[in-house]
Amino acid sequence: MSPEPAPETDFANEIECEINDLVAEHGSERAALRAVLHDFNVLLADADRSVSRGYLRGLFSQGARPVREPE
């Protein structure tokens, strides 16, 4: 019986297969890299819009929310 491959080997093999599929889909390494960088930049832009930087730093903008006055 053959030993099970190490998880690192499986992960590395999976990455290699993904790279091969990406290059095959886009036709060249340069086009594949361009597609990956485009997707990365889109994700970064989306993350910038999704998270309040003040919230991450523990700060809140003055006047961002109306102050509720006691009735």
Protein backbone atom coordinates (compact mmCIF):
# COMPACT_ATOMS: atom_id res chain seq x y z
CA MET A 1 0.00 0.00 0.00
CA SER A 2 1.39 3.43 -0.94
CA PRO A 3 1.67 6.11 1.73
CA GLU A 4 -0.64 9.11 1.59
CA PRO A 5 1.00 12.22 0.07
CA ALA A 6 1.75 15.03 2.49
CA PRO A 7 -0.82 17.85 2.61
CA GLU A 8 1.84 20.32 1.42
CA THR A 9 2.38 18.18 -1.69
CA ASP A 10 -1.34 18.08 -2.39
CA PHE A 11 -1.59 21.85 -2.02
CA ALA A 12 1.43 22.46 -4.27
CA ASN A 13 0.02 20.07 -6.87
CA GLU A 14 -3.36 21.81 -6.72
CA ILE A 15 -1.71 25.21 -7.24
CA GLU A 16 0.24 23.89 -10.23
CA CYS A 17 -2.97 22.55 -11.77
CA GLU A 18 -4.70 25.90 -11.21
CA ILE A 19 -1.80 27.72 -12.88
CA ASN A 20 -1.89 25.36 -15.85
CA ASP A 21 -5.66 25.84 -16.21
CA LEU A 22 -5.29 29.62 -15.99
CA VAL A 23 -2.61 29.72 -18.68
CA ALA A 24 -4.66 27.41 -20.90
CA GLU A 25 -7.74 29.58 -20.45
CA HIS A 26 -5.97 32.86 -21.27
CA GLY A 27 -3.55 31.60 -23.91
CA SER A 28 -0.28 32.90 -22.46
CA GLU A 29 1.46 33.46 -19.17
CA ARG A 30 1.34 37.22 -19.63
CA ALA A 31 -2.42 37.22 -20.28
CA ALA A 32 -2.99 34.96 -17.27
CA LEU A 33 -0.94 37.26 -15.06
CA ARG A 34 -2.86 40.28 -16.35
CA ALA A 35 -6.15 38.56 -15.45
CA VAL A 36 -4.93 37.67 -11.96
CA LEU A 37 -3.72 41.22 -11.30
CA HIS A 38 -6.99 42.66 -12.59
CA ASP A 39 -9.01 40.42 -10.27
CA PHE A 40 -6.71 41.28 -7.36
CA ASN A 41 -7.18 45.02 -7.93
CA VAL A 42 -10.96 44.61 -8.17
CA LEU A 43 -10.98 42.74 -4.86
CA LEU A 44 -8.82 45.43 -3.22
CA ALA A 45 -11.11 48.20 -4.45
CA ASP A 46 -14.13 46.31 -3.15
CA ALA A 47 -12.48 45.79 0.23
CA ASP A 48 -11.67 49.49 0.47
CA ARG A 49 -15.33 50.36 -0.06
CA SER A 50 -16.60 47.67 2.30
CA VAL A 51 -14.72 48.51 5.48
CA SER A 52 -14.69 51.71 7.45
CA ARG A 53 -11.10 52.65 8.17
CA GLY A 54 -12.22 54.60 11.23
CA TYR A 55 -13.95 51.52 12.57
CA LEU A 56 -10.80 49.47 12.08
CA ARG A 57 -8.74 52.04 14.00
CA GLY A 58 -11.35 52.37 16.72
CA LEU A 59 -12.29 55.90 15.63
CA PHE A 60 -15.59 57.24 14.41
CA SER A 61 -16.15 60.29 12.25
CA GLN A 62 -17.66 63.33 13.93
CA GLY A 63 -21.05 64.01 12.42
CA ALA A 64 -21.25 60.75 10.53
CA ARG A 65 -24.34 59.84 12.48
CA PRO A 66 -26.77 62.33 13.90
CA VAL A 67 -26.42 62.74 17.64
CA ARG A 68 -29.58 61.68 19.42
CA GLU A 69 -30.61 64.24 21.93
CA PRO A 70 -32.38 63.08 25.08
CA GLU A 71 -36.11 63.69 25.00
